[in-house]
Each structure stands twice: as C-alpha cells, then as structure tokens.
C-alpha cells in the first residue's frame, strides 16, 4: 500500500510539472481532477501526509527507482479522473 501511494505521488508531481505552463481557469476544472493532481494535493506540503512524509520529492525518487520509465507510471495515474483522493487510491488498487 505504501509503495502504491508513493507511485501515485510521483505521478502527481510529474503531472504538475508537465502542466505548469498551462493556463488557469477561474471556474476550476471542468471535471474531476486527474489522480495525479489528487495525489499531489494530498501529499503537499512535505510532512503533511502519512503516506509519503517527504512529499512529492519522495514520490519522484520512488518512481525513478522502479524498473522502466517513471513517466509511464505518471501517465497512467494522470489518465485516471476520480472524484477524490480516496477514489483514486481505490482505482489504483489501494
């Protein structure tokens, strides 16, 4: 479970960095945020989550340590659009 949470967190960080140059919508997103965004919000700032105490930095390090390309994990998680952090965890088997 902890490993999954770390993977989710890394994906959230990647999505945030990949979309940082995009425009902001005054009315908020048109649908549920991606699970990457949900995880990033749940793990930030560092120290605010029991799942990944080091925040996005720890999640990114975890993803880089896994076999394969970390971007594949982030892309998968970012492709999920659930209603809450808990729903994202459930969708990812957590």
N, C-alpha and C. Protein backbone atom coordinates (compact mmCIF):
# COMPACT_ATOMS: atom_id res chain seq x y z
N UNK A 1 0.83 -1.19 0.00
CA UNK A 1 0.00 0.00 0.00
C UNK A 1 0.87 1.25 0.00
N UNK A 2 1.93 1.24 0.82
CA UNK A 2 2.80 2.41 0.88
C UNK A 2 3.50 2.62 -0.46
N UNK A 3 3.89 1.53 -1.10
CA UNK A 3 4.57 1.63 -2.39
C UNK A 3 3.63 2.24 -3.44
N UNK A 4 2.38 1.81 -3.44
CA UNK A 4 1.40 2.35 -4.37
C UNK A 4 1.20 3.84 -4.12
N UNK A 5 1.12 4.23 -2.87
CA UNK A 5 0.94 5.64 -2.54
C UNK A 5 2.11 6.46 -3.06
N UNK A 6 3.30 5.92 -2.96
CA UNK A 6 4.48 6.63 -3.44
C UNK A 6 4.42 6.76 -4.96
N UNK A 7 4.02 5.71 -5.65
CA UNK A 7 3.90 5.76 -7.11
C UNK A 7 2.88 6.81 -7.50
N UNK A 8 1.78 6.84 -6.81
CA UNK A 8 0.74 7.82 -7.11
C UNK A 8 1.27 9.23 -6.89
N UNK A 9 1.99 9.41 -5.84
CA UNK A 9 2.54 10.72 -5.53
C UNK A 9 3.50 11.18 -6.62
N UNK A 10 4.37 10.31 -7.07
CA UNK A 10 5.32 10.65 -8.11
C UNK A 10 4.58 11.07 -9.37
N UNK A 11 3.54 10.35 -9.70
CA UNK A 11 2.75 10.70 -10.87
C UNK A 11 2.13 12.07 -10.73
N UNK A 12 1.71 12.41 -9.55
CA UNK A 12 1.11 13.73 -9.32
C UNK A 12 2.14 14.81 -9.56
N UNK A 13 3.33 14.61 -9.08
CA UNK A 13 4.39 15.60 -9.27
C UNK A 13 4.69 15.78 -10.75
N UNK A 14 4.81 14.69 -11.44
CA UNK A 14 5.11 14.76 -12.87
C UNK A 14 4.04 15.56 -13.61
N UNK A 15 2.79 15.28 -13.31
CA UNK A 15 1.70 15.98 -13.97
C UNK A 15 1.74 17.46 -13.67
N UNK A 16 2.02 17.81 -12.43
CA UNK A 16 2.11 19.22 -12.08
C UNK A 16 3.21 19.92 -12.86
N UNK A 17 4.36 19.30 -12.97
CA UNK A 17 5.45 19.90 -13.72
C UNK A 17 5.15 19.96 -15.21
N UNK A 18 4.50 18.93 -15.73
CA UNK A 18 4.20 18.87 -17.16
C UNK A 18 3.15 19.88 -17.57
N UNK A 19 2.29 20.27 -16.66
CA UNK A 19 1.22 21.20 -17.00
C UNK A 19 1.41 22.58 -16.40
N UNK A 20 2.56 22.85 -15.82
CA UNK A 20 2.79 24.13 -15.14
C UNK A 20 2.66 25.33 -16.07
N UNK A 21 2.94 25.16 -17.34
CA UNK A 21 2.88 26.28 -18.27
C UNK A 21 1.49 26.53 -18.83
N UNK A 22 0.52 25.69 -18.46
CA UNK A 22 -0.84 25.85 -18.97
C UNK A 22 -1.56 27.02 -18.34
N UNK A 23 -2.69 27.37 -18.91
CA UNK A 23 -3.47 28.47 -18.38
C UNK A 23 -4.34 27.99 -17.23
N UNK A 24 -4.69 28.93 -16.37
CA UNK A 24 -5.57 28.62 -15.24
C UNK A 24 -6.99 29.01 -15.60
N UNK A 25 -7.94 28.24 -15.09
CA UNK A 25 -9.35 28.53 -15.33
C UNK A 25 -9.94 29.11 -14.05
N UNK A 26 -10.56 30.26 -14.16
CA UNK A 26 -11.12 30.92 -12.98
C UNK A 26 -12.20 30.06 -12.33
N UNK A 27 -12.92 29.29 -13.12
CA UNK A 27 -14.01 28.49 -12.58
C UNK A 27 -13.58 27.11 -12.13
N UNK A 28 -12.32 26.78 -12.20
CA UNK A 28 -11.84 25.46 -11.81
C UNK A 28 -11.94 24.49 -12.97
N UNK A 29 -11.50 23.26 -12.76
CA UNK A 29 -11.53 22.28 -13.85
C UNK A 29 -12.97 21.92 -14.22
N UNK A 30 -13.16 21.51 -15.47
CA UNK A 30 -14.50 21.19 -15.95
C UNK A 30 -14.97 19.83 -15.44
N UNK A 31 -14.08 19.02 -14.97
CA UNK A 31 -14.43 17.70 -14.44
C UNK A 31 -13.51 17.35 -13.30
N UNK A 32 -13.60 16.12 -12.81
CA UNK A 32 -12.72 15.71 -11.72
C UNK A 32 -11.25 15.85 -12.11
N UNK A 33 -10.44 16.26 -11.16
CA UNK A 33 -9.01 16.38 -11.40
C UNK A 33 -8.42 15.00 -11.67
N UNK A 34 -7.28 14.97 -12.33
CA UNK A 34 -6.62 13.69 -12.54
C UNK A 34 -6.16 13.15 -11.20
N UNK A 35 -5.98 11.86 -11.15
CA UNK A 35 -5.49 11.25 -9.92
C UNK A 35 -4.09 11.74 -9.58
N UNK A 36 -3.35 12.16 -10.58
CA UNK A 36 -2.03 12.73 -10.33
C UNK A 36 -2.18 14.01 -9.53
N UNK A 37 -3.11 14.85 -9.94
CA UNK A 37 -3.38 16.09 -9.21
C UNK A 37 -3.92 15.82 -7.82
N UNK A 38 -4.81 14.84 -7.71
CA UNK A 38 -5.37 14.47 -6.41
C UNK A 38 -4.25 14.05 -5.46
N UNK A 39 -3.34 13.25 -5.95
CA UNK A 39 -2.24 12.77 -5.11
C UNK A 39 -1.29 13.90 -4.74
N UNK A 40 -0.98 14.75 -5.69
CA UNK A 40 -0.08 15.87 -5.40
C UNK A 40 -0.67 16.75 -4.31
N UNK A 41 -1.96 17.01 -4.42
CA UNK A 41 -2.62 17.84 -3.41
C UNK A 41 -2.63 17.16 -2.05
N UNK A 42 -2.81 15.85 -2.03
CA UNK A 42 -2.88 15.11 -0.77
C UNK A 42 -1.52 15.00 -0.09
N UNK A 43 -0.44 15.08 -0.85
CA UNK A 43 0.90 14.87 -0.31
C UNK A 43 1.68 16.16 -0.10
N UNK A 44 1.07 17.26 -0.39
CA UNK A 44 1.76 18.55 -0.28
C UNK A 44 1.12 19.37 0.82
N UNK A 45 1.89 20.11 1.53
CA UNK A 45 3.35 20.23 1.52
C UNK A 45 4.01 19.03 2.19
N UNK A 46 5.32 18.87 1.99
CA UNK A 46 6.02 17.76 2.63
C UNK A 46 5.75 17.75 4.13
N UNK A 47 5.54 16.55 4.66
CA UNK A 47 5.28 16.39 6.07
C UNK A 47 3.80 16.39 6.43
N UNK A 48 2.94 16.65 5.44
CA UNK A 48 1.51 16.73 5.73
C UNK A 48 0.78 15.41 5.52
N UNK A 49 1.48 14.39 5.01
CA UNK A 49 0.84 13.12 4.72
C UNK A 49 1.61 11.97 5.36
N UNK A 50 0.85 11.04 5.95
CA UNK A 50 1.49 9.83 6.49
C UNK A 50 1.88 8.87 5.37
N UNK A 51 1.21 8.97 4.20
CA UNK A 51 1.52 8.07 3.08
C UNK A 51 2.94 8.30 2.57
N UNK A 52 3.28 9.54 2.34
CA UNK A 52 4.60 9.90 1.81
C UNK A 52 5.05 11.16 2.55
N UNK A 53 5.70 10.97 3.72
CA UNK A 53 6.06 12.12 4.55
C UNK A 53 6.94 13.16 3.85
N UNK A 54 7.76 12.74 2.90
CA UNK A 54 8.65 13.67 2.22
C UNK A 54 7.99 14.42 1.08
N UNK A 55 6.72 14.17 0.85
CA UNK A 55 6.01 14.88 -0.21
C UNK A 55 6.40 14.40 -1.60
N UNK A 56 6.20 15.28 -2.57
CA UNK A 56 6.42 14.94 -3.97
C UNK A 56 7.87 14.54 -4.26
N UNK A 57 8.80 15.11 -3.53
CA UNK A 57 10.21 14.76 -3.75
C UNK A 57 10.43 13.26 -3.51
N UNK A 58 9.85 12.73 -2.43
CA UNK A 58 9.99 11.30 -2.14
C UNK A 58 9.27 10.45 -3.17
N UNK A 59 8.11 10.90 -3.61
CA UNK A 59 7.37 10.14 -4.61
C UNK A 59 8.13 10.08 -5.93
N UNK A 60 8.72 11.20 -6.32
CA UNK A 60 9.51 11.23 -7.55
C UNK A 60 10.72 10.30 -7.45
N UNK A 61 11.38 10.30 -6.31
CA UNK A 61 12.54 9.42 -6.10
C UNK A 61 12.11 7.96 -6.17
N UNK A 62 10.96 7.64 -5.59
CA UNK A 62 10.45 6.29 -5.64
C UNK A 62 10.20 5.86 -7.09
N UNK A 63 9.58 6.71 -7.87
CA UNK A 63 9.26 6.38 -9.26
C UNK A 63 10.53 6.16 -10.07
N UNK A 64 11.54 6.98 -9.84
CA UNK A 64 12.80 6.82 -10.57
C UNK A 64 13.50 5.51 -10.21
N UNK A 65 13.25 5.00 -9.01
CA UNK A 65 13.91 3.76 -8.56
C UNK A 65 13.22 2.51 -9.10
N UNK A 66 12.04 2.63 -9.68
CA UNK A 66 11.30 1.48 -10.19
C UNK A 66 11.80 1.09 -11.57
N UNK A 67 11.61 -0.19 -11.95
CA UNK A 67 12.01 -0.62 -13.29
C UNK A 67 11.17 0.11 -14.34
N UNK A 68 11.74 0.32 -15.49
CA UNK A 68 11.03 1.01 -16.57
C UNK A 68 11.16 2.51 -16.44
N UNK A 69 10.40 3.21 -17.25
CA UNK A 69 10.45 4.67 -17.27
C UNK A 69 9.43 5.24 -16.30
N UNK A 70 9.84 6.14 -15.40
CA UNK A 70 8.90 6.71 -14.44
C UNK A 70 7.72 7.43 -15.11
N UNK A 71 7.95 7.97 -16.29
CA UNK A 71 6.89 8.68 -17.00
C UNK A 71 5.71 7.79 -17.33
N UNK A 72 5.95 6.50 -17.54
CA UNK A 72 4.84 5.58 -17.83
C UNK A 72 3.90 5.48 -16.64
N UNK A 73 4.46 5.44 -15.45
CA UNK A 73 3.65 5.39 -14.23
C UNK A 73 2.85 6.67 -14.09
N UNK A 74 3.51 7.81 -14.27
CA UNK A 74 2.83 9.10 -14.15
C UNK A 74 1.71 9.24 -15.17
N UNK A 75 1.98 8.81 -16.38
CA UNK A 75 0.98 8.93 -17.45
C UNK A 75 -0.26 8.10 -17.12
N UNK A 76 -0.06 6.92 -16.61
CA UNK A 76 -1.18 6.06 -16.25
C UNK A 76 -2.03 6.71 -15.15
N UNK A 77 -1.38 7.17 -14.11
CA UNK A 77 -2.09 7.77 -12.99
C UNK A 77 -2.80 9.05 -13.42
N UNK A 78 -2.15 9.84 -14.23
CA UNK A 78 -2.76 11.09 -14.70
C UNK A 78 -3.96 10.84 -15.60
N UNK A 79 -4.02 9.66 -16.20
CA UNK A 79 -5.15 9.32 -17.07
C UNK A 79 -6.42 8.97 -16.32
N UNK A 80 -6.29 8.75 -15.00
CA UNK A 80 -7.46 8.44 -14.17
C UNK A 80 -8.05 9.74 -13.65
N UNK A 81 -9.35 9.87 -13.72
CA UNK A 81 -10.04 11.07 -13.23
C UNK A 81 -11.15 10.64 -12.29
N UNK A 82 -10.84 10.60 -11.02
CA UNK A 82 -11.78 10.19 -9.99
C UNK A 82 -12.26 11.42 -9.22
N UNK A 83 -13.21 11.22 -8.34
CA UNK A 83 -13.80 12.34 -7.61
C UNK A 83 -13.04 12.78 -6.37
N UNK A 84 -12.12 11.94 -5.89
CA UNK A 84 -11.41 12.27 -4.66
C UNK A 84 -10.10 11.49 -4.58
N UNK A 85 -9.27 11.90 -3.63
CA UNK A 85 -8.01 11.20 -3.39
C UNK A 85 -8.29 9.74 -3.02
N UNK A 86 -9.29 9.52 -2.19
CA UNK A 86 -9.64 8.18 -1.76
C UNK A 86 -10.11 7.33 -2.95
N UNK A 87 -10.89 7.94 -3.84
CA UNK A 87 -11.36 7.23 -5.02
C UNK A 87 -10.20 6.86 -5.94
N UNK A 88 -9.21 7.74 -6.02
CA UNK A 88 -8.02 7.44 -6.81
C UNK A 88 -7.26 6.27 -6.22
N UNK A 89 -7.08 6.29 -4.91
CA UNK A 89 -6.40 5.18 -4.25
C UNK A 89 -7.14 3.86 -4.53
N UNK A 90 -8.46 3.90 -4.46
CA UNK A 90 -9.25 2.70 -4.72
C UNK A 90 -9.10 2.25 -6.18
N UNK A 91 -9.12 3.19 -7.11
CA UNK A 91 -8.99 2.85 -8.53
C UNK A 91 -7.62 2.23 -8.83
N UNK A 92 -6.63 2.61 -8.03
CA UNK A 92 -5.29 2.09 -8.23
C UNK A 92 -5.02 0.85 -7.40
N UNK A 93 -6.05 0.32 -6.79
CA UNK A 93 -5.92 -0.91 -6.03
C UNK A 93 -5.46 -0.72 -4.61
N UNK A 94 -5.57 0.48 -4.09
CA UNK A 94 -5.09 0.76 -2.73
C UNK A 94 -6.10 0.62 -1.68
